[in-house]
Amino acid sequence: MPHVTQHADAADVAAADLDTALRGGPFHVALRAAIAARGLPLQRVQHHLSRYGVRVGVTSLSYWQQGARRPQRPESLRAVRALEEILQLPDESLIRLLAQSDERSARRTAGRSYRSLVEATDVLDRLLAELGTQLDGGLHMLGHHERVRIGARRELAGRESHHIVRAHQDGVDRFVAVHHGDPGCAPDRMTVHPLDNCRTGRVRWDRDTGVLVAELLFDTRLRAGDTFLFRYGVEDGTAGVSREYARGFGPAGGQYALQVRFDERALPLRCHRFTQHSAAAPRSGRQELALTGRHRSVHLVEPRVRSGIVGIAWDWE
């Protein structure tokens, strides 16, 4: 009786999805998996809630399981506790994930604030002073092509940078790479990989701000006017859900290209590019970016960068 086997397989898959979602979240994914595992339409869920004396609309339930809204009011939190019983879930399982989601949201908001960016700049100045160098380092950027990978957990998995530079003074033999991870990251667990024409020197980091700096040493000393190409990567994957990647520039420079590629198991709803004159300025230059089919990526190209910030942001389901 193949239809029975197929039904059992589907139930096993739903149960496995629910188990994974309850362990790792986020809240809306766990709620959606629990409703799917029990095979209840939202109207039936609403009916069961009413028997607990809790009034929640079908639209609100739909928003909750899509992640478009989160339960926050006291009545909504009562509904979440009732849902744990209705959907036969362990006590506090959904409440715990909801608390984690709120905590991550608070960290993310703080992490993108002007104050936090200023703190990161102060930390960067201190780390560069420890290395006895400056961010410019005697090099002028002719081209910088950056590839960012977003992993299956929606995390910033890593990035790769390809630089084309020209020395504007004699004796330049290194470049200082800067990586600013997402809020909650662990820079001490990141690794820097020299890929072409360089090797790793000293590495410094600050856990509170997620800033990592690494020397990339050349095997030659450049003279003023010499050009040089090198490539390196940073393996990250230490933070939670990533929602944007941005790069700040000081003096005007050459071409900058940014590509963000998504794991096939974690595709965003939409993506857009943005610019900022400074960390304190409002964002502008918003432009929607279409995700390519086969390679699941979006990109931007600045033919000649200007002082400020340019980046790509994306929305999850």
Protein backbone atom coordinates (compact mmCIF):
# COMPACT_ATOMS: atom_id res chain seq x y z
CA MET A 1 0.00 0.00 0.00
CA PRO A 2 2.30 2.78 -1.26
CA HIS A 3 -0.01 5.63 -0.19
CA VAL A 4 0.43 4.59 3.46
CA THR A 5 4.22 4.60 3.09
CA GLN A 6 4.17 8.03 1.48
CA HIS A 7 1.98 9.34 4.29
CA ALA A 8 4.36 7.91 6.90
CA ASP A 9 7.36 9.41 5.13
CA ALA A 10 5.72 12.83 5.05
CA ALA A 11 4.90 12.57 8.75
CA ASP A 12 8.49 11.61 9.54
CA VAL A 13 9.82 14.57 7.57
CA ALA A 14 7.40 16.95 9.33
CA ALA A 15 8.42 15.58 12.73
CA ALA A 16 12.11 15.94 11.89
CA ASP A 17 11.58 19.53 10.69
CA LEU A 18 9.74 20.32 13.91
CA ASP A 19 12.48 18.83 16.07
CA THR A 20 15.13 20.87 14.25
CA ALA A 21 13.08 24.07 14.47
CA LEU A 22 12.40 23.67 18.19
CA ARG A 23 16.13 23.29 18.86
CA GLY A 24 17.40 26.14 16.73
CA GLY A 25 14.44 28.38 15.94
CA PRO A 26 13.67 31.00 15.04
CA PHE A 27 10.22 31.30 16.63
CA HIS A 28 8.18 31.67 13.43
CA VAL A 29 9.85 28.66 11.77
CA ALA A 30 9.16 26.50 14.85
CA LEU A 31 5.54 27.65 14.99
CA ARG A 32 5.02 26.93 11.29
CA ALA A 33 6.64 23.49 11.64
CA ALA A 34 4.49 22.64 14.66
CA ILE A 35 1.27 23.58 12.89
CA ALA A 36 2.32 21.58 9.82
CA ALA A 37 3.30 18.55 11.93
CA ARG A 38 -0.15 18.50 13.58
CA GLY A 39 -1.91 19.03 10.25
CA LEU A 40 -4.10 21.84 11.59
CA PRO A 41 -5.44 24.64 9.39
CA LEU A 42 -5.19 28.07 10.98
CA GLN A 43 -8.97 28.23 11.47
CA ARG A 44 -8.76 25.12 13.68
CA VAL A 45 -5.84 26.58 15.62
CA GLN A 46 -7.90 29.72 16.21
CA HIS A 47 -10.84 27.60 17.38
CA HIS A 48 -8.67 25.71 19.85
CA LEU A 49 -7.28 28.99 21.21
CA SER A 50 -10.81 30.30 21.79
CA ARG A 51 -11.46 27.26 24.02
CA TYR A 52 -8.53 28.48 26.14
CA GLY A 53 -10.20 31.88 26.39
CA VAL A 54 -7.68 33.49 24.04
CA ARG A 55 -8.80 35.54 21.05
CA VAL A 56 -6.33 35.69 18.14
CA GLY A 57 -7.24 36.33 14.52
CA VAL A 58 -6.31 33.99 11.69
CA THR A 59 -4.43 36.87 10.06
CA SER A 60 -2.30 37.34 13.19
CA LEU A 61 -1.53 33.62 13.33
CA SER A 62 -0.51 33.75 9.68
CA TYR A 63 1.77 36.73 10.32
CA TRP A 64 3.33 34.97 13.33
CA GLN A 65 4.26 31.86 11.37
CA GLN A 66 5.59 33.94 8.46
CA GLY A 67 7.79 36.04 10.75
CA ALA A 68 6.05 39.24 9.59
CA ARG A 69 5.06 40.03 13.18
CA ARG A 70 5.94 38.70 16.64
CA PRO A 71 3.59 38.14 19.59
CA GLN A 72 4.30 40.92 22.09
CA ARG A 73 1.14 41.97 23.94
CA PRO A 74 0.17 40.07 27.13
CA GLU A 75 -2.81 38.49 25.34
CA SER A 76 -0.52 37.34 22.53
CA LEU A 77 1.94 35.80 24.98
CA ARG A 78 -0.97 33.93 26.61
CA ALA A 79 -1.77 32.62 23.15
CA VAL A 80 1.79 31.37 22.67
CA ARG A 81 1.64 29.40 25.94
CA ALA A 82 -1.71 27.95 24.88
CA LEU A 83 -0.26 27.01 21.49
CA GLU A 84 2.39 24.92 23.25
CA GLU A 85 -0.40 22.77 24.70
CA ILE A 86 -2.57 22.74 21.58
CA LEU A 87 0.35 21.72 19.36
CA GLN A 88 1.68 19.23 21.94
CA LEU A 89 5.01 20.98 22.40
CA PRO A 90 7.31 20.98 25.43
CA ASP A 91 6.57 23.67 28.02
CA GLU A 92 8.29 27.00 27.36
CA SER A 93 9.60 25.81 23.96
CA LEU A 94 7.93 28.55 21.90
CA ILE A 95 8.27 31.16 24.66
CA ARG A 96 12.01 30.46 24.84
CA LEU A 97 12.44 30.89 21.07
CA LEU A 98 10.39 34.08 21.15
CA ALA A 99 12.62 35.49 23.90
CA GLN A 100 15.71 34.58 21.88
CA SER A 101 14.23 36.28 18.81
CA ASP A 102 13.56 39.47 20.80
CA GLU A 103 17.08 39.37 22.21
CA ARG A 104 18.63 38.96 18.75
CA SER A 105 16.47 41.77 17.42
CA ALA A 106 17.61 44.08 20.21
CA ARG A 107 21.26 43.19 19.58
CA ARG A 108 20.80 43.72 15.86
CA THR A 109 19.23 47.14 16.35
CA ALA A 110 22.00 48.16 18.70
CA GLY A 111 24.62 46.67 16.40
CA ARG A 112 23.56 48.89 13.49
CA SER A 113 23.26 52.08 15.52
CA TYR A 114 25.41 55.12 14.93
CA ARG A 115 26.88 54.75 18.42
CA SER A 116 28.00 51.17 17.77
CA LEU A 117 29.62 52.15 14.47
CA VAL A 118 31.50 54.94 16.21
CA GLU A 119 32.63 52.46 18.88
CA ALA A 120 33.84 50.10 16.15
CA THR A 121 35.78 52.95 14.55
CA ASP A 122 37.42 53.76 17.88
CA VAL A 123 38.33 50.10 18.34
CA LEU A 124 39.74 49.94 14.81
CA ASP A 125 41.97 52.93 15.54
CA ARG A 126 43.24 51.20 18.68
CA LEU A 127 43.95 47.90 16.91
CA LEU A 128 45.78 49.67 14.09
CA ALA A 129 47.86 51.52 16.68
CA GLU A 130 48.78 48.17 18.25
CA LEU A 131 50.04 47.06 14.84
CA GLY A 132 51.85 50.35 14.33
CA THR A 133 50.16 51.02 11.00
CA GLN A 134 47.44 53.05 9.31
CA LEU A 135 44.45 51.85 7.32
CA ASP A 136 45.80 53.38 4.11
CA GLY A 137 49.24 51.79 4.56
CA GLY A 138 50.76 53.58 1.56
CA LEU A 139 48.44 51.92 -0.96
CA HIS A 140 45.86 53.38 -3.31
CA MET A 141 42.96 51.13 -4.31
CA LEU A 142 42.52 50.65 -8.04
CA GLY A 143 40.00 47.82 -7.73
CA HIS A 144 38.36 45.79 -4.97
CA HIS A 145 36.11 42.82 -5.79
CA GLU A 146 34.41 41.24 -2.81
CA ARG A 147 32.38 38.02 -2.64
CA VAL A 148 30.24 37.36 0.45
CA ARG A 149 28.71 33.97 1.29
CA ILE A 150 25.50 33.61 3.31
CA GLY A 151 25.14 30.13 4.75
CA ALA A 152 22.26 27.73 5.31
CA ARG A 153 21.59 29.22 8.77
CA ARG A 154 21.29 32.65 7.14
CA GLU A 155 24.63 33.56 8.71
CA LEU A 156 27.56 35.48 7.27
CA ALA A 157 29.60 32.37 6.45
CA GLY A 158 32.59 34.17 5.00
CA ARG A 159 33.92 36.43 2.32
CA GLU A 160 36.72 36.67 -0.23
CA SER A 161 38.46 39.88 -1.32
CA HIS A 162 40.52 40.48 -4.47
CA HIS A 163 42.52 43.75 -4.37
CA ILE A 164 44.32 45.68 -7.10
CA VAL A 165 46.47 48.40 -5.53
CA ARG A 166 49.17 50.92 -6.39
CA ALA A 167 51.83 52.03 -3.92
CA HIS A 168 52.12 55.79 -3.42
CA GLN A 169 55.30 55.52 -1.36
CA ASP A 170 58.41 53.35 -1.32
CA GLY A 171 58.84 50.29 0.87
CA VAL A 172 55.22 49.10 1.18
CA ASP A 173 55.18 45.37 1.97
CA ARG A 174 51.81 44.71 3.63
CA PHE A 175 48.09 45.44 3.73
CA VAL A 176 45.81 45.53 6.77
CA ALA A 177 42.52 43.69 6.17
CA VAL A 178 39.49 44.66 8.27
CA HIS A 179 36.49 42.41 8.91
CA HIS A 180 33.48 43.66 10.91
CA GLY A 181 31.26 40.71 11.80
CA ASP A 182 27.55 40.77 12.52
CA PRO A 183 26.28 41.49 16.05
CA GLY A 184 27.02 38.59 18.40
CA CYS A 185 29.93 37.26 16.34
CA ALA A 186 33.11 35.78 17.82
CA PRO A 187 36.16 37.22 16.02
CA ASP A 188 38.48 34.96 18.01
CA ARG A 189 36.91 31.99 16.18
CA MET A 190 37.29 33.48 12.69
CA THR A 191 40.14 32.53 10.39
CA VAL A 192 41.97 34.56 7.75
CA HIS A 193 43.22 32.72 4.67
CA PRO A 194 45.85 34.24 2.34
CA LEU A 195 44.92 33.03 -1.16
CA ASP A 196 47.18 34.82 -3.67
CA ASN A 197 50.43 36.81 -3.37
CA CYS A 198 50.27 37.30 0.41
CA ARG A 199 50.65 35.52 3.75
CA THR A 200 49.09 36.18 7.15
CA GLY A 201 50.98 38.30 9.67
CA ARG A 202 49.70 39.58 13.00
CA VAL A 203 45.97 39.32 13.78
CA ARG A 204 44.08 41.39 16.37
CA TRP A 205 40.39 41.49 17.30
CA ASP A 206 37.85 43.01 19.68
CA ARG A 207 35.04 40.74 20.80
CA ASP A 208 32.63 43.46 21.97
CA THR A 209 32.44 45.16 18.57
CA GLY A 210 33.23 42.14 16.36
CA VAL A 211 36.12 43.91 14.63
CA LEU A 212 39.05 41.84 13.33
CA VAL A 213 42.20 43.20 11.68
CA ALA A 214 44.88 41.08 10.01
CA GLU A 215 48.18 41.90 8.36
CA LEU A 216 48.63 40.44 4.89
CA LEU A 217 52.35 40.36 4.13
CA PHE A 218 53.69 40.62 0.59
CA ASP A 219 56.82 38.78 -0.54
CA THR A 220 58.16 41.98 -2.06
CA ARG A 221 58.63 45.64 -1.18
CA LEU A 222 56.78 47.94 -3.52
CA ARG A 223 58.19 51.18 -4.83
CA ALA A 224 56.04 54.25 -5.40
CA GLY A 225 53.99 53.67 -8.55
CA ASP A 226 54.19 49.86 -8.44
CA THR A 227 50.93 47.93 -8.80
CA PHE A 228 50.13 44.72 -6.94
CA LEU A 229 47.37 42.10 -6.89
CA PHE A 230 46.48 39.93 -3.91
CA ARG A 231 43.56 37.91 -2.62
CA TYR A 232 42.48 36.68 0.81
CA GLY A 233 39.44 35.20 2.56
CA VAL A 234 37.81 35.38 6.00
CA GLU A 235 35.85 32.43 7.39
CA ASP A 236 33.23 33.72 9.82
CA GLY A 237 29.97 31.85 10.49
CA THR A 238 30.03 32.82 14.20
CA ALA A 239 26.98 35.10 14.44
CA GLY A 240 23.24 34.73 13.97
CA VAL A 241 21.02 35.80 11.09
CA SER A 242 22.71 38.25 8.70
CA ARG A 243 20.67 40.96 7.02
CA GLU A 244 23.18 43.16 5.25
CA TYR A 245 26.78 43.64 4.23
CA ALA A 246 28.35 47.08 3.87
CA ARG A 247 31.78 48.50 3.12
CA GLY A 248 33.00 51.93 4.19
CA PHE A 249 35.46 54.01 2.16
CA GLY A 250 37.61 56.97 3.11
CA PRO A 251 39.24 58.82 0.21
CA ALA A 252 37.82 58.31 -3.27
CA GLY A 253 39.24 55.27 -5.01
CA GLY A 254 38.88 52.87 -7.88
CA GLN A 255 36.24 50.31 -8.77
CA TYR A 256 34.39 48.35 -6.09
CA ALA A 257 32.24 45.30 -6.84
CA LEU A 258 30.26 43.42 -4.18
CA GLN A 259 28.59 40.06 -4.77
CA VAL A 260 26.44 38.35 -2.14
CA ARG A 261 25.68 34.68 -2.71
CA PHE A 262 23.06 32.74 -0.75
CA ASP A 263 22.90 29.08 0.17
CA GLU A 264 20.15 27.30 -1.75
CA ARG A 265 18.51 26.39 1.59
CA ALA A 266 18.29 30.03 2.69
CA LEU A 267 17.05 32.37 -0.01
CA PRO A 268 15.92 35.93 0.81
CA LEU A 269 12.58 37.42 -0.15
CA ARG A 270 14.13 40.54 -1.67
CA CYS A 271 17.44 42.39 -1.86
CA HIS A 272 18.44 46.01 -2.41
CA ARG A 273 21.57 48.14 -2.56
CA PHE A 274 22.03 51.30 -0.51
CA THR A 275 24.51 54.10 0.14
CA GLN A 276 25.26 56.42 3.06
CA HIS A 277 27.40 59.53 3.16
CA SER A 278 28.42 58.57 6.72
CA ALA A 279 27.31 56.32 9.57
CA ALA A 280 25.21 59.20 10.94
CA ALA A 281 23.53 59.99 7.61
CA PRO A 282 20.25 58.46 6.38
CA ARG A 283 20.45 55.74 3.77
CA SER A 284 19.80 56.66 0.17
CA GLY A 285 20.34 55.30 -3.34
CA ARG A 286 18.06 52.32 -2.68
CA GLN A 287 17.74 50.05 -5.70
CA GLU A 288 16.11 46.63 -5.82
CA LEU A 289 18.38 43.78 -6.91
CA ALA A 290 17.13 40.64 -8.62
CA LEU A 291 18.47 37.30 -7.37
CA THR A 292 20.05 35.24 -10.14
CA GLY A 293 18.63 31.76 -10.59
CA ARG A 294 21.51 29.31 -10.86
CA HIS A 295 24.05 31.11 -8.66
CA ARG A 296 21.57 32.62 -6.15
CA SER A 297 23.45 35.91 -5.96
CA VAL A 298 23.06 39.67 -6.25
CA HIS A 299 25.74 42.27 -6.89
CA LEU A 300 26.56 45.93 -7.19
CA VAL A 301 29.35 47.77 -9.00
CA GLU A 302 30.70 51.23 -8.15
CA PRO A 303 32.92 52.33 -11.07
CA ARG A 304 34.65 54.84 -8.80
CA VAL A 305 33.98 54.78 -5.06
CA ARG A 306 33.42 57.96 -3.09
CA SER A 307 33.85 58.59 0.61
CA GLY A 308 31.03 56.92 2.53
CA ILE A 309 29.30 53.56 2.81
CA VAL A 310 27.88 51.26 0.15
CA GLY A 311 26.19 47.92 0.75
CA ILE A 312 23.52 45.34 0.06
CA ALA A 313 20.66 44.46 2.42
CA TRP A 314 18.07 41.68 2.21
CA ASP A 315 14.82 40.59 3.84
CA TRP A 316 14.04 37.06 5.01
CA GLU A 317 10.67 35.37 4.96
